[in-house]
Structure formats: C-alpha cells, structure tokens
PDB file of N, CA and C in Angstrom:
ATOM      1  N   UNK A   1      -4.934  22.586  29.632  1.00  0.00           N
ATOM      2  CA  UNK A   1      -4.211  21.666  28.817  1.00  0.00           C
ATOM      3  C   UNK A   1      -3.723  22.117  27.459  1.00  0.00           C
ATOM      4  N   UNK A   2      -2.517  21.901  27.111  1.00  0.00           N
ATOM      5  CA  UNK A   2      -2.019  22.495  25.971  1.00  0.00           C
ATOM      6  C   UNK A   2      -2.193  21.362  24.855  1.00  0.00           C
ATOM      7  N   UNK A   3      -1.818  21.714  23.743  1.00  0.00           N
ATOM      8  CA  UNK A   3      -2.042  20.843  22.557  1.00  0.00           C
ATOM      9  C   UNK A   3      -1.140  19.549  22.658  1.00  0.00           C
ATOM     10  N   UNK A   4      -0.028  19.775  23.101  1.00  0.00           N
ATOM     11  CA  UNK A   4       0.988  18.526  23.187  1.00  0.00           C
ATOM     12  C   UNK A   4       0.429  17.525  24.221  1.00  0.00           C
ATOM     13  N   UNK A   5      -0.010  17.939  25.331  1.00  0.00           N
ATOM     14  CA  UNK A   5      -0.561  17.001  26.329  1.00  0.00           C
ATOM     15  C   UNK A   5      -1.794  16.457  25.746  1.00  0.00           C
ATOM     16  N   UNK A   6      -2.708  17.104  24.939  1.00  0.00           N
ATOM     17  CA  UNK A   6      -3.783  16.430  24.499  1.00  0.00           C
ATOM     18  C   UNK A   6      -3.505  15.255  23.432  1.00  0.00           C
ATOM     19  N   UNK A   7      -2.487  15.716  22.624  1.00  0.00           N
ATOM     20  CA  UNK A   7      -1.985  14.625  21.731  1.00  0.00           C
ATOM     21  C   UNK A   7      -1.286  13.441  22.317  1.00  0.00           C
ATOM     22  N   UNK A   8      -0.538  13.773  23.367  1.00  0.00           N
ATOM     23  CA  UNK A   8       0.104  12.570  24.214  1.00  0.00           C
ATOM     24  C   UNK A   8      -1.048  11.784  24.838  1.00  0.00           C
ATOM     25  N   UNK A   9      -2.058  12.402  25.390  1.00  0.00           N
ATOM     26  CA  UNK A   9      -3.152  11.594  26.026  1.00  0.00           C
ATOM     27  C   UNK A   9      -3.907  10.747  25.094  1.00  0.00           C
ATOM     28  N   UNK A  10      -4.127  11.381  23.776  1.00  0.00           N
ATOM     29  CA  UNK A  10      -4.846  10.649  22.819  1.00  0.00           C
ATOM     30  C   UNK A  10      -4.015   9.502  22.388  1.00  0.00           C
ATOM     31  N   UNK A  11      -2.693   9.578  22.130  1.00  0.00           N
ATOM     32  CA  UNK A  11      -1.931   8.402  21.760  1.00  0.00           C
ATOM     33  C   UNK A  11      -1.803   7.458  22.781  1.00  0.00           C
ATOM     34  N   UNK A  12      -1.799   7.827  24.052  1.00  0.00           N
ATOM     35  CA  UNK A  12      -1.859   6.855  25.265  1.00  0.00           C
ATOM     36  C   UNK A  12      -3.026   5.876  25.215  1.00  0.00           C
ATOM     37  N   UNK A  13      -4.243   6.638  24.956  1.00  0.00           N
ATOM     38  CA  UNK A  13      -5.522   5.934  24.953  1.00  0.00           C
ATOM     39  C   UNK A  13      -5.555   5.014  23.759  1.00  0.00           C
ATOM     40  N   UNK A  14      -5.202   5.404  22.616  1.00  0.00           N
ATOM     41  CA  UNK A  14      -5.511   4.731  21.391  1.00  0.00           C
ATOM     42  C   UNK A  14      -4.187   3.947  20.823  1.00  0.00           C
ATOM     43  N   UNK A  15      -3.228   3.639  21.577  1.00  0.00           N
ATOM     44  CA  UNK A  15      -1.870   3.094  21.161  1.00  0.00           C
ATOM     45  C   UNK A  15      -2.133   1.840  20.378  1.00  0.00           C
ATOM     46  N   UNK A  16      -2.944   0.964  20.849  1.00  0.00           N
ATOM     47  CA  UNK A  16      -3.103  -0.479  20.046  1.00  0.00           C
ATOM     48  C   UNK A  16      -3.707  -0.138  18.786  1.00  0.00           C
ATOM     49  N   UNK A  17      -4.697   0.827  18.609  1.00  0.00           N
ATOM     50  CA  UNK A  17      -5.231   0.953  17.411  1.00  0.00           C
ATOM     51  C   UNK A  17      -4.245   1.793  16.276  1.00  0.00           C
ATOM     52  N   UNK A  18      -3.460   2.624  16.920  1.00  0.00           N
ATOM     53  CA  UNK A  18      -2.458   3.382  16.141  1.00  0.00           C
ATOM     54  C   UNK A  18      -1.407   2.323  15.596  1.00  0.00           C
ATOM     55  N   UNK A  19      -0.926   1.487  16.345  1.00  0.00           N
ATOM     56  CA  UNK A  19       0.077   0.400  15.971  1.00  0.00           C
ATOM     57  C   UNK A  19      -0.535  -0.551  14.976  1.00  0.00           C
ATOM     58  N   UNK A  20      -1.837  -1.012  15.364  1.00  0.00           N
ATOM     59  CA  UNK A  20      -2.419  -1.829  14.134  1.00  0.00           C
ATOM     60  C   UNK A  20      -2.691  -1.189  12.876  1.00  0.00           C
ATOM     61  N   UNK A  21      -2.924   0.018  12.909  1.00  0.00           N
ATOM     62  CA  UNK A  21      -3.129   0.804  11.684  1.00  0.00           C
ATOM     63  C   UNK A  21      -1.767   1.056  10.982  1.00  0.00           C
ATOM     64  N   UNK A  22      -0.845   1.336  11.604  1.00  0.00           N
ATOM     65  CA  UNK A  22       0.511   1.319  11.038  1.00  0.00           C
ATOM     66  C   UNK A  22       1.036   0.121  10.301  1.00  0.00           C
ATOM     67  N   UNK A  23       0.797  -1.011  11.132  1.00  0.00           N
ATOM     68  CA  UNK A  23       1.238  -2.366  10.609  1.00  0.00           C
ATOM     69  C   UNK A  23       0.431  -2.717   9.245  1.00  0.00           C
ATOM     70  N   UNK A  24      -0.896  -2.376   9.328  1.00  0.00           N
ATOM     71  CA  UNK A  24      -1.650  -2.677   8.141  1.00  0.00           C
ATOM     72  C   UNK A  24      -1.265  -1.896   6.990  1.00  0.00           C
ATOM     73  N   UNK A  25      -0.963  -0.531   7.157  1.00  0.00           N
ATOM     74  CA  UNK A  25      -0.481   0.311   6.089  1.00  0.00           C
ATOM     75  C   UNK A  25       0.815  -0.157   5.502  1.00  0.00           C
ATOM     76  N   UNK A  26       1.786  -0.575   6.445  1.00  0.00           N
ATOM     77  CA  UNK A  26       2.898  -1.009   5.915  1.00  0.00           C
ATOM     78  C   UNK A  26       2.823  -2.281   5.137  1.00  0.00           C
ATOM     79  N   UNK A  27       1.905  -3.204   5.565  1.00  0.00           N
ATOM     80  CA  UNK A  27       1.648  -4.419   4.839  1.00  0.00           C
ATOM     81  C   UNK A  27       1.167  -4.144   3.468  1.00  0.00           C
ATOM     82  N   UNK A  28       0.125  -3.227   3.401  1.00  0.00           N
ATOM     83  CA  UNK A  28      -0.480  -2.834   2.009  1.00  0.00           C
ATOM     84  C   UNK A  28       0.533  -2.269   1.137  1.00  0.00           C
ATOM     85  N   UNK A  29       1.429  -1.217   1.602  1.00  0.00           N
ATOM     86  CA  UNK A  29       2.489  -0.650   0.784  1.00  0.00           C
ATOM     87  C   UNK A  29       3.540  -1.833   0.383  1.00  0.00           C
ATOM     88  N   UNK A  30       3.954  -2.680   1.260  1.00  0.00           N
ATOM     89  CA  UNK A  30       4.794  -3.715   0.866  1.00  0.00           C
ATOM     90  C   UNK A  30       4.208  -4.626  -0.300  1.00  0.00           C
ATOM     91  N   UNK A  31       3.005  -4.968  -0.036  1.00  0.00           N
ATOM     92  CA  UNK A  31       2.298  -5.754  -1.023  1.00  0.00           C
ATOM     93  C   UNK A  31       2.164  -5.032  -2.449  1.00  0.00           C
ATOM     94  N   UNK A  32       1.964  -3.675  -2.412  1.00  0.00           N
ATOM     95  CA  UNK A  32       1.719  -3.042  -3.661  1.00  0.00           C
ATOM     96  C   UNK A  32       3.200  -2.960  -4.369  1.00  0.00           C
ATOM     97  N   UNK A  33       4.308  -2.750  -3.555  1.00  0.00           N
ATOM     98  CA  UNK A  33       5.596  -2.602  -3.991  1.00  0.00           C
ATOM     99  C   UNK A  33       6.027  -3.844  -4.719  1.00  0.00           C
ATOM    100  N   UNK A  34       5.824  -4.979  -4.097  1.00  0.00           N
ATOM    101  CA  UNK A  34       6.167  -6.365  -4.514  1.00  0.00           C
ATOM    102  C   UNK A  34       5.352  -6.573  -5.794  1.00  0.00           C
ATOM    103  N   UNK A  35       4.187  -6.465  -5.999  1.00  0.00           N
ATOM    104  CA  UNK A  35       3.421  -6.555  -7.052  1.00  0.00           C
ATOM    105  C   UNK A  35       3.884  -5.760  -8.299  1.00  0.00           C
ATOM    106  N   UNK A  36       4.207  -4.529  -7.964  1.00  0.00           N
ATOM    107  CA  UNK A  36       4.746  -3.604  -8.976  1.00  0.00           C
ATOM    108  C   UNK A  36       6.208  -4.040  -9.519  1.00  0.00           C
ATOM    109  N   UNK A  37       6.996  -4.548  -8.629  1.00  0.00           N
ATOM    110  CA  UNK A  37       8.320  -4.869  -9.041  1.00  0.00           C
ATOM    111  C   UNK A  37       8.251  -6.220  -9.805  1.00  0.00           C
ATOM    112  N   UNK A  38       7.406  -7.067  -9.379  1.00  0.00           N
ATOM    113  CA  UNK A  38       7.123  -8.388 -10.211  1.00  0.00           C
ATOM    114  C   UNK A  38       6.610  -8.103 -11.599  1.00  0.00           C
ATOM    115  N   UNK A  39       5.581  -7.240 -11.662  1.00  0.00           N
ATOM    116  CA  UNK A  39       5.028  -6.913 -12.840  1.00  0.00           C
ATOM    117  C   UNK A  39       6.003  -6.215 -13.837  1.00  0.00           C
ATOM    118  N   UNK A  40       6.749  -5.352 -13.261  1.00  0.00           N
ATOM    119  CA  UNK A  40       7.733  -4.555 -14.166  1.00  0.00           C
ATOM    120  C   UNK A  40       8.798  -5.575 -14.776  1.00  0.00           C
ATOM    121  N   UNK A  41       9.099  -6.636 -14.225  1.00  0.00           N
ATOM    122  CA  UNK A  41      10.220  -7.600 -14.713  1.00  0.00           C
ATOM    123  C   UNK A  41       9.604  -8.728 -15.412  1.00  0.00           C
ATOM    124  N   UNK A  42       8.407  -8.791 -15.656  1.00  0.00           N
ATOM    125  CA  UNK A  42       7.918  -9.918 -16.271  1.00  0.00           C
ATOM    126  C   UNK A  42       8.037  -9.752 -17.836  1.00  0.00           C
ATOM    127  N   UNK A  43       8.419 -10.805 -18.448  1.00  0.00           N
ATOM    128  CA  UNK A  43       8.502 -10.826 -19.890  1.00  0.00           C
ATOM    129  C   UNK A  43       7.210 -11.229 -20.565  1.00  0.00           C
ATOM    130  N   UNK A  44       6.678 -10.256 -21.285  1.00  0.00           N
ATOM    131  CA  UNK A  44       5.349 -10.507 -21.926  1.00  0.00           C
ATOM    132  C   UNK A  44       5.593 -10.647 -23.515  1.00  0.00           C
ATOM    133  N   UNK A  45       4.834 -11.377 -24.158  1.00  0.00           N
ATOM    134  CA  UNK A  45       4.886 -11.474 -25.515  1.00  0.00           C
ATOM    135  C   UNK A  45       3.984 -10.253 -26.119  1.00  0.00           C
ATOM    136  N   UNK A  46       4.429  -9.696 -27.215  1.00  0.00           N
ATOM    137  CA  UNK A  46       3.687  -8.548 -27.734  1.00  0.00           C
ATOM    138  C   UNK A  46       2.455  -9.080 -28.331  1.00  0.00           C
ATOM    139  N   UNK A  47       1.497  -8.177 -28.232  1.00  0.00           N
ATOM    140  CA  UNK A  47       0.040  -8.536 -28.785  1.00  0.00           C
ATOM    141  C   UNK A  47       0.029  -8.033 -30.164  1.00  0.00           C
ATOM    142  N   UNK A  48      -0.257  -9.025 -31.176  1.00  0.00           N
ATOM    143  CA  UNK A  48      -0.326  -8.806 -32.612  1.00  0.00           C
ATOM    144  C   UNK A  48      -1.821  -8.795 -33.000  1.00  0.00           C
ATOM    145  N   UNK A  49      -2.239  -7.652 -33.396  1.00  0.00           N
ATOM    146  CA  UNK A  49      -3.740  -7.660 -33.918  1.00  0.00           C
ATOM    147  C   UNK A  49      -3.624  -7.663 -35.383  1.00  0.00           C
ATOM    148  N   UNK A  50      -4.434  -8.716 -35.900  1.00  0.00           N
ATOM    149  CA  UNK A  50      -4.560  -8.748 -37.399  1.00  0.00           C
ATOM    150  C   UNK A  50      -6.044  -8.501 -37.767  1.00  0.00           C
ATOM    151  N   UNK A  51      -6.208  -7.780 -38.767  1.00  0.00           N
ATOM    152  CA  UNK A  51      -7.531  -7.615 -39.366  1.00  0.00           C
ATOM    153  C   UNK A  51      -7.704  -8.102 -40.654  1.00  0.00           C
ATOM    154  N   UNK A  52      -8.434  -9.267 -40.709  1.00  0.00           N
ATOM    155  CA  UNK A  52      -8.616  -9.917 -42.009  1.00  0.00           C
ATOM    156  C   UNK A  52      -9.993  -9.710 -42.547  1.00  0.00           C
ATOM    157  N   UNK A  53      -9.939  -8.919 -43.574  1.00  0.00           N
ATOM    158  CA  UNK A  53     -11.322  -8.613 -44.294  1.00  0.00           C
ATOM    159  C   UNK A  53     -11.554  -9.713 -45.354  1.00  0.00           C
ATOM    160  N   UNK A  54     -12.735 -10.104 -45.549  1.00  0.00           N
ATOM    161  CA  UNK A  54     -13.160 -11.190 -46.453  1.00  0.00           C
ATOM    162  C   UNK A  54     -13.831 -10.507 -47.764  1.00  0.00           C
TER     163      UNK A  54
END
C-alpha cells in the first residue's frame, strides 16, 4: 500500500470527523474575525488619568 492509498483510506474512515472539525474551525475563525472587526470600529472615549496629591 502506498502513501496515497493510506491517506485515502484514512479519509474514507474518518470523513464525518474531518468535516465536523473543518466546520468548527471555520466557525471559530469567523467568530474571531467578526469580533476583531467590531472592536476595531468601536468609538471609545479616551481614558484620562488624574493624579491629585493633597
């Protein structure tokens, strides 16, 4: 058995797991990208730190 046939057999046996893993990875990447884009365009007020000595 050559390497290509071993890979092909592995994919046939574990096809459902591979597809589920790909879907989960895509969902995670999409969620990260959406959060990054939303955070990038949020308007935030500047933080002003005052030090009052008495």
